Amino acid sequence: MRREPEERTTVVTTDSGGGAGWFIVGALVVAALVAVWLFGGGVLGTGGGEAELNVDVDAPQVAQPAE
Protein backbone atom coordinates (compact mmCIF):
# COMPACT_ATOMS: atom_id res chain seq x y z
CA MET A 1 0.00 0.00 0.00
CA ARG A 2 1.36 3.29 -1.04
CA ARG A 3 0.22 6.43 0.81
CA GLU A 4 -0.19 9.73 -0.89
CA PRO A 5 1.73 12.56 0.75
CA GLU A 6 -0.44 14.82 2.87
CA GLU A 7 -0.94 18.35 1.73
CA ARG A 8 0.60 20.84 4.12
CA THR A 9 -0.40 24.43 4.54
CA THR A 10 1.38 27.17 6.41
CA VAL A 11 -0.73 29.35 8.67
CA VAL A 12 0.74 32.69 9.75
CA THR A 13 -0.87 34.48 12.69
CA THR A 14 -0.03 37.91 13.98
CA ASP A 15 -0.78 39.33 17.39
CA SER A 16 -1.80 42.96 17.49
CA GLY A 17 -0.55 43.41 21.06
CA GLY A 18 -3.78 44.42 22.75
CA GLY A 19 -5.20 47.83 23.50
CA ALA A 20 -2.76 49.12 26.12
CA GLY A 21 -1.03 51.40 23.62
CA TRP A 22 -4.29 52.94 22.46
CA PHE A 23 -5.33 53.45 26.09
CA ILE A 24 -2.12 55.38 26.81
CA VAL A 25 -2.51 57.50 23.66
CA GLY A 26 -6.10 58.30 24.61
CA ALA A 27 -5.09 59.25 28.15
CA LEU A 28 -2.40 61.60 26.81
CA VAL A 29 -4.87 63.26 24.44
CA VAL A 30 -7.37 63.78 27.26
CA ALA A 31 -4.62 65.19 29.52
CA ALA A 32 -3.54 67.61 26.78
CA LEU A 33 -7.12 68.80 26.25
CA VAL A 34 -7.59 69.34 30.00
CA ALA A 35 -4.32 71.31 30.18
CA VAL A 36 -5.40 73.52 27.26
CA TRP A 37 -8.74 74.16 28.96
CA LEU A 38 -7.16 74.93 32.35
CA PHE A 39 -4.45 77.26 31.09
CA GLY A 40 -6.33 78.68 28.11
CA GLY A 41 -8.84 80.62 30.13
CA GLY A 42 -11.00 77.91 31.62
CA VAL A 43 -9.85 77.98 35.23
CA LEU A 44 -6.21 78.98 35.58
CA GLY A 45 -5.92 81.32 32.60
CA THR A 46 -6.64 85.01 32.38
CA GLY A 47 -9.69 84.50 30.23
CA GLY A 48 -8.18 86.23 27.24
CA GLY A 49 -8.20 89.68 28.85
CA GLU A 50 -5.12 91.73 29.39
CA ALA A 51 -3.48 91.42 32.78
CA GLU A 52 -1.54 94.24 34.36
CA LEU A 53 1.36 93.58 36.66
CA ASN A 54 3.04 96.39 38.58
CA VAL A 55 6.23 95.64 40.48
CA ASP A 56 7.86 98.30 42.64
CA VAL A 57 11.52 97.59 43.28
CA ASP A 58 13.22 99.97 45.68
CA ALA A 59 16.67 98.96 46.80
CA PRO A 60 17.47 100.00 50.35
CA GLN A 61 20.11 102.65 50.93
CA VAL A 62 23.33 101.07 52.13
CA ALA A 63 25.87 103.17 53.97
CA GLN A 64 29.52 102.61 53.17
CA PRO A 65 31.40 100.84 55.90
CA ALA A 66 33.86 102.89 57.97
CA GLU A 67 37.47 102.60 56.87
PDB file of N, CA and C in Angstrom:
ATOM      1  N   MET A   1       0.831  -1.187   0.000  1.00  0.00           N
ATOM      2  CA  MET A   1       0.000   0.000   0.000  1.00  0.00           C
ATOM      3  C   MET A   1       0.875   1.250   0.000  1.00  0.00           C
ATOM      4  N   ARG A   2       0.611   2.046  -0.945  1.00  0.00           N
ATOM      5  CA  ARG A   2       1.360   3.287  -1.037  1.00  0.00           C
ATOM      6  C   ARG A   2       0.457   4.434  -0.597  1.00  0.00           C
ATOM      7  N   ARG A   3       1.009   5.297   0.287  1.00  0.00           N
ATOM      8  CA  ARG A   3       0.224   6.426   0.805  1.00  0.00           C
ATOM      9  C   ARG A   3       0.588   7.685   0.042  1.00  0.00           C
ATOM     10  N   GLU A   4      -0.399   8.445  -0.244  1.00  0.00           N
ATOM     11  CA  GLU A   4      -0.193   9.732  -0.893  1.00  0.00           C
ATOM     12  C   GLU A   4       0.330  10.715   0.148  1.00  0.00           C
ATOM     13  N   PRO A   5       1.250  11.560  -0.228  1.00  0.00           N
ATOM     14  CA  PRO A   5       1.728  12.562   0.748  1.00  0.00           C
ATOM     15  C   PRO A   5       0.603  13.524   1.109  1.00  0.00           C
ATOM     16  N   GLU A   6       0.590  13.896   2.388  1.00  0.00           N
ATOM     17  CA  GLU A   6      -0.443  14.823   2.868  1.00  0.00           C
ATOM     18  C   GLU A   6      -0.110  16.246   2.428  1.00  0.00           C
ATOM     19  N   GLU A   7      -1.136  16.971   2.130  1.00  0.00           N
ATOM     20  CA  GLU A   7      -0.942  18.351   1.727  1.00  0.00           C
ATOM     21  C   GLU A   7      -0.735  19.201   2.974  1.00  0.00           C
ATOM     22  N   ARG A   8       0.292  20.005   2.951  1.00  0.00           N
ATOM     23  CA  ARG A   8       0.600  20.841   4.120  1.00  0.00           C
ATOM     24  C   ARG A   8       0.370  22.305   3.770  1.00  0.00           C
ATOM     25  N   THR A   9      -0.187  23.001   4.716  1.00  0.00           N
ATOM     26  CA  THR A   9      -0.401  24.432   4.543  1.00  0.00           C
ATOM     27  C   THR A   9       0.273  25.171   5.685  1.00  0.00           C
ATOM     28  N   THR A  10       0.744  26.343   5.393  1.00  0.00           N
ATOM     29  CA  THR A  10       1.380  27.174   6.413  1.00  0.00           C
ATOM     30  C   THR A  10       0.394  28.251   6.832  1.00  0.00           C
ATOM     31  N   VAL A  11       0.184  28.348   8.131  1.00  0.00           N
ATOM     32  CA  VAL A  11      -0.727  29.350   8.671  1.00  0.00           C
ATOM     33  C   VAL A  11       0.104  30.360   9.449  1.00  0.00           C
ATOM     34  N   VAL A  12      -0.001  31.620   9.082  1.00  0.00           N
ATOM     35  CA  VAL A  12       0.736  32.691   9.752  1.00  0.00           C
ATOM     36  C   VAL A  12      -0.261  33.506  10.552  1.00  0.00           C
ATOM     37  N   THR A  13      -0.001  33.653  11.847  1.00  0.00           N
ATOM     38  CA  THR A  13      -0.867  34.476  12.694  1.00  0.00           C
ATOM     39  C   THR A  13      -0.047  35.627  13.250  1.00  0.00           C
ATOM     40  N   THR A  14      -0.686  36.748  13.390  1.00  0.00           N
ATOM     41  CA  THR A  14      -0.027  37.910  13.983  1.00  0.00           C
ATOM     42  C   THR A  14      -0.841  38.359  15.177  1.00  0.00           C
ATOM     43  N   ASP A  15      -0.135  38.838  16.180  1.00  0.00           N
ATOM     44  CA  ASP A  15      -0.778  39.331  17.395  1.00  0.00           C
ATOM     45  C   ASP A  15      -0.675  40.844  17.390  1.00  0.00           C
ATOM     46  N   SER A  16      -1.800  41.503  17.548  1.00  0.00           N
ATOM     47  CA  SER A  16      -1.803  42.960  17.495  1.00  0.00           C
ATOM     48  C   SER A  16      -1.285  43.594  18.780  1.00  0.00           C
ATOM     49  N   GLY A  17      -1.134  42.866  19.848  1.00  0.00           N
ATOM     50  CA  GLY A  17      -0.547  43.410  21.056  1.00  0.00           C
ATOM     51  C   GLY A  17      -1.544  43.955  22.055  1.00  0.00           C
ATOM     52  N   GLY A  18      -2.799  43.939  21.787  1.00  0.00           N
ATOM     53  CA  GLY A  18      -3.780  44.419  22.754  1.00  0.00           C
ATOM     54  C   GLY A  18      -4.048  45.900  22.630  1.00  0.00           C
ATOM     55  N   GLY A  19      -4.796  46.438  23.571  1.00  0.00           N
ATOM     56  CA  GLY A  19      -5.205  47.830  23.502  1.00  0.00           C
ATOM     57  C   GLY A  19      -4.507  48.744  24.481  1.00  0.00           C
ATOM     58  N   ALA A  20      -3.437  48.277  25.130  1.00  0.00           N
ATOM     59  CA  ALA A  20      -2.760  49.118  26.119  1.00  0.00           C
ATOM     60  C   ALA A  20      -2.167  50.369  25.479  1.00  0.00           C
ATOM     61  N   GLY A  21      -1.613  50.242  24.294  1.00  0.00           N
ATOM     62  CA  GLY A  21      -1.027  51.402  23.617  1.00  0.00           C
ATOM     63  C   GLY A  21      -2.069  52.441  23.278  1.00  0.00           C
ATOM     64  N   TRP A  22      -3.219  52.001  22.791  1.00  0.00           N
ATOM     65  CA  TRP A  22      -4.295  52.938  22.463  1.00  0.00           C
ATOM     66  C   TRP A  22      -4.849  53.596  23.714  1.00  0.00           C
ATOM     67  N   PHE A  23      -4.875  52.876  24.827  1.00  0.00           N
ATOM     68  CA  PHE A  23      -5.334  53.454  26.086  1.00  0.00           C
ATOM     69  C   PHE A  23      -4.400  54.579  26.521  1.00  0.00           C
ATOM     70  N   ILE A  24      -3.097  54.361  26.413  1.00  0.00           N
ATOM     71  CA  ILE A  24      -2.115  55.377  26.809  1.00  0.00           C
ATOM     72  C   ILE A  24      -2.220  56.600  25.897  1.00  0.00           C
ATOM     73  N   VAL A  25      -2.362  56.379  24.596  1.00  0.00           N
ATOM     74  CA  VAL A  25      -2.507  57.502  23.662  1.00  0.00           C
ATOM     75  C   VAL A  25      -3.770  58.297  23.980  1.00  0.00           C
ATOM     76  N   GLY A  26      -4.862  57.609  24.262  1.00  0.00           N
ATOM     77  CA  GLY A  26      -6.103  58.296  24.614  1.00  0.00           C
ATOM     78  C   GLY A  26      -5.968  59.097  25.895  1.00  0.00           C
ATOM     79  N   ALA A  27      -5.291  58.528  26.886  1.00  0.00           N
ATOM     80  CA  ALA A  27      -5.088  59.245  28.145  1.00  0.00           C
ATOM     81  C   ALA A  27      -4.241  60.495  27.936  1.00  0.00           C
ATOM     82  N   LEU A  28      -3.230  60.423  27.080  1.00  0.00           N
ATOM     83  CA  LEU A  28      -2.399  61.597  26.807  1.00  0.00           C
ATOM     84  C   LEU A  28      -3.184  62.681  26.064  1.00  0.00           C
ATOM     85  N   VAL A  29      -4.045  62.273  25.156  1.00  0.00           N
ATOM     86  CA  VAL A  29      -4.871  63.256  24.437  1.00  0.00           C
ATOM     87  C   VAL A  29      -5.828  63.951  25.397  1.00  0.00           C
ATOM     88  N   VAL A  30      -6.451  63.190  26.280  1.00  0.00           N
ATOM     89  CA  VAL A  30      -7.367  63.782  27.260  1.00  0.00           C
ATOM     90  C   VAL A  30      -6.608  64.720  28.187  1.00  0.00           C
ATOM     91  N   ALA A  31      -5.412  64.328  28.637  1.00  0.00           N
ATOM     92  CA  ALA A  31      -4.615  65.187  29.516  1.00  0.00           C
ATOM     93  C   ALA A  31      -4.226  66.480  28.807  1.00  0.00           C
ATOM     94  N   ALA A  32      -3.894  66.404  27.526  1.00  0.00           N
ATOM     95  CA  ALA A  32      -3.540  67.609  26.779  1.00  0.00           C
ATOM     96  C   ALA A  32      -4.747  68.536  26.633  1.00  0.00           C
ATOM     97  N   LEU A  33      -5.914  67.975  26.371  1.00  0.00           N
ATOM     98  CA  LEU A  33      -7.117  68.801  26.250  1.00  0.00           C
ATOM     99  C   LEU A  33      -7.478  69.468  27.573  1.00  0.00           C
ATOM    100  N   VAL A  34      -7.322  68.757  28.678  1.00  0.00           N
ATOM    101  CA  VAL A  34      -7.594  69.342  29.998  1.00  0.00           C
ATOM    102  C   VAL A  34      -6.602  70.465  30.290  1.00  0.00           C
ATOM    103  N   ALA A  35      -5.326  70.265  29.944  1.00  0.00           N
ATOM    104  CA  ALA A  35      -4.321  71.307  30.179  1.00  0.00           C
ATOM    105  C   ALA A  35      -4.632  72.552  29.351  1.00  0.00           C
ATOM    106  N   VAL A  36      -5.047  72.367  28.105  1.00  0.00           N
ATOM    107  CA  VAL A  36      -5.403  73.520  27.264  1.00  0.00           C
ATOM    108  C   VAL A  36      -6.598  74.251  27.859  1.00  0.00           C
ATOM    109  N   TRP A  37      -7.567  73.527  28.356  1.00  0.00           N
ATOM    110  CA  TRP A  37      -8.743  74.161  28.957  1.00  0.00           C
ATOM    111  C   TRP A  37      -8.373  74.910  30.230  1.00  0.00           C
ATOM    112  N   LEU A  38      -7.528  74.291  31.083  1.00  0.00           N
ATOM    113  CA  LEU A  38      -7.160  74.928  32.347  1.00  0.00           C
ATOM    114  C   LEU A  38      -6.359  76.196  32.125  1.00  0.00           C
ATOM    115  N   PHE A  39      -5.337  76.123  31.269  1.00  0.00           N
ATOM    116  CA  PHE A  39      -4.446  77.262  31.089  1.00  0.00           C
ATOM    117  C   PHE A  39      -4.895  78.203  29.986  1.00  0.00           C
ATOM    118  N   GLY A  40      -5.866  77.835  29.206  1.00  0.00           N
ATOM    119  CA  GLY A  40      -6.325  78.681  28.111  1.00  0.00           C
ATOM    120  C   GLY A  40      -7.497  79.553  28.466  1.00  0.00           C
ATOM    121  N   GLY A  41      -7.770  79.728  29.733  1.00  0.00           N
ATOM    122  CA  GLY A  41      -8.837  80.622  30.126  1.00  0.00           C
ATOM    123  C   GLY A  41      -9.980  79.926  30.827  1.00  0.00           C
ATOM    124  N   GLY A  42      -9.920  78.614  30.945  1.00  0.00           N
ATOM    125  CA  GLY A  42     -11.000  77.908  31.618  1.00  0.00           C
ATOM    126  C   GLY A  42     -10.998  78.165  33.102  1.00  0.00           C
ATOM    127  N   VAL A  43      -9.916  77.834  33.778  1.00  0.00           N
ATOM    128  CA  VAL A  43      -9.850  77.983  35.228  1.00  0.00           C
ATOM    129  C   VAL A  43      -8.612  78.773  35.631  1.00  0.00           C
ATOM    130  N   LEU A  44      -7.460  78.374  35.136  1.00  0.00           N
ATOM    131  CA  LEU A  44      -6.211  78.982  35.578  1.00  0.00           C
ATOM    132  C   LEU A  44      -5.735  80.099  34.669  1.00  0.00           C
ATOM    133  N   GLY A  45      -6.358  80.293  33.548  1.00  0.00           N
ATOM    134  CA  GLY A  45      -5.922  81.317  32.605  1.00  0.00           C
ATOM    135  C   GLY A  45      -6.491  82.677  32.957  1.00  0.00           C
ATOM    136  N   THR A  46      -6.159  83.654  32.148  1.00  0.00           N
ATOM    137  CA  THR A  46      -6.635  85.012  32.384  1.00  0.00           C
ATOM    138  C   THR A  46      -7.939  85.279  31.653  1.00  0.00           C
ATOM    139  N   GLY A  47      -8.426  84.318  30.930  1.00  0.00           N
ATOM    140  CA  GLY A  47      -9.688  84.499  30.231  1.00  0.00           C
ATOM    141  C   GLY A  47      -9.575  85.316  28.967  1.00  0.00           C
ATOM    142  N   GLY A  48      -8.369  85.501  28.482  1.00  0.00           N
ATOM    143  CA  GLY A  48      -8.185  86.229  27.235  1.00  0.00           C
ATOM    144  C   GLY A  48      -8.056  87.724  27.416  1.00  0.00           C
ATOM    145  N   GLY A  49      -8.359  88.249  28.614  1.00  0.00           N
ATOM    146  CA  GLY A  49      -8.205  89.675  28.853  1.00  0.00           C
ATOM    147  C   GLY A  49      -6.759  90.018  29.134  1.00  0.00           C
ATOM    148  N   GLU A  50      -6.475  91.310  29.111  1.00  0.00           N
ATOM    149  CA  GLU A  50      -5.116  91.727  29.389  1.00  0.00           C
ATOM    150  C   GLU A  50      -4.917  91.848  30.887  1.00  0.00           C
ATOM    151  N   ALA A  51      -3.814  91.327  31.368  1.00  0.00           N
ATOM    152  CA  ALA A  51      -3.480  91.415  32.781  1.00  0.00           C
ATOM    153  C   ALA A  51      -2.417  92.496  32.973  1.00  0.00           C
ATOM    154  N   GLU A  52      -2.518  93.205  34.060  1.00  0.00           N
ATOM    155  CA  GLU A  52      -1.541  94.238  34.355  1.00  0.00           C
ATOM    156  C   GLU A  52      -0.787  93.846  35.615  1.00  0.00           C
ATOM    157  N   LEU A  53       0.515  93.957  35.537  1.00  0.00           N
ATOM    158  CA  LEU A  53       1.361  93.583  36.663  1.00  0.00           C
ATOM    159  C   LEU A  53       2.295  94.743  36.950  1.00  0.00           C
ATOM    160  N   ASN A  54       2.174  95.302  38.153  1.00  0.00           N
ATOM    161  CA  ASN A  54       3.045  96.392  38.576  1.00  0.00           C
ATOM    162  C   ASN A  54       3.949  95.887  39.685  1.00  0.00           C
ATOM    163  N   VAL A  55       5.248  96.057  39.482  1.00  0.00           N
ATOM    164  CA  VAL A  55       6.228  95.637  40.481  1.00  0.00           C
ATOM    165  C   VAL A  55       7.047  96.854  40.849  1.00  0.00           C
ATOM    166  N   ASP A  56       7.090  97.160  42.135  1.00  0.00           N
ATOM    167  CA  ASP A  56       7.858  98.300  42.636  1.00  0.00           C
ATOM    168  C   ASP A  56       9.109  97.760  43.310  1.00  0.00           C
ATOM    169  N   VAL A  57      10.253  98.082  42.730  1.00  0.00           N
ATOM    170  CA  VAL A  57      11.518  97.593  43.282  1.00  0.00           C
ATOM    171  C   VAL A  57      12.308  98.799  43.763  1.00  0.00           C
ATOM    172  N   ASP A  58      12.415  98.913  45.068  1.00  0.00           N
ATOM    173  CA  ASP A  58      13.218  99.974  45.677  1.00  0.00           C
ATOM    174  C   ASP A  58      14.318  99.314  46.487  1.00  0.00           C
ATOM    175  N   ALA A  59      15.534  99.523  46.063  1.00  0.00           N
ATOM    176  CA  ALA A  59      16.670  98.965  46.801  1.00  0.00           C
ATOM    177  C   ALA A  59      16.925  99.829  48.029  1.00  0.00           C
ATOM    178  N   PRO A  60      17.209  99.203  49.147  1.00  0.00           N
ATOM    179  CA  PRO A  60      17.474  99.996  50.348  1.00  0.00           C
ATOM    180  C   PRO A  60      18.804 100.735  50.228  1.00  0.00           C
ATOM    181  N   GLN A  61      18.884 101.873  50.910  1.00  0.00           N
ATOM    182  CA  GLN A  61      20.109 102.651  50.926  1.00  0.00           C
ATOM    183  C   GLN A  61      21.100 101.963  51.845  1.00  0.00           C
ATOM    184  N   VAL A  62      22.297 101.748  51.331  1.00  0.00           N
ATOM    185  CA  VAL A  62      23.328 101.074  52.126  1.00  0.00           C
ATOM    186  C   VAL A  62      24.454 102.065  52.360  1.00  0.00           C
ATOM    187  N   ALA A  63      24.791 102.271  53.631  1.00  0.00           N
ATOM    188  CA  ALA A  63      25.871 103.173  53.968  1.00  0.00           C
ATOM    189  C   ALA A  63      27.201 102.442  53.770  1.00  0.00           C
ATOM    190  N   GLN A  64      28.203 103.231  53.351  1.00  0.00           N
ATOM    191  CA  GLN A  64      29.517 102.613  53.172  1.00  0.00           C
ATOM    192  C   GLN A  64      30.128 102.318  54.516  1.00  0.00           C
ATOM    193  N   PRO A  65      30.781 101.177  54.611  1.00  0.00           N
ATOM    194  CA  PRO A  65      31.402 100.842  55.904  1.00  0.00           C
ATOM    195  C   PRO A  65      32.550 101.814  56.233  1.00  0.00           C
ATOM    196  N   ALA A  66      32.789 102.014  57.530  1.00  0.00           N
ATOM    197  CA  ALA A  66      33.858 102.890  57.974  1.00  0.00           C
ATOM    198  C   ALA A  66      35.202 102.251  57.641  1.00  0.00           C
ATOM    199  N   GLU A  67      36.158 103.117  57.230  1.00  0.00           N
ATOM    200  CA  GLU A  67      37.472 102.600  56.872  1.00  0.00           C
ATOM    201  C   GLU A  67      38.432 102.747  57.989  1.00  0.00           C
TER     202      GLU A  67
END
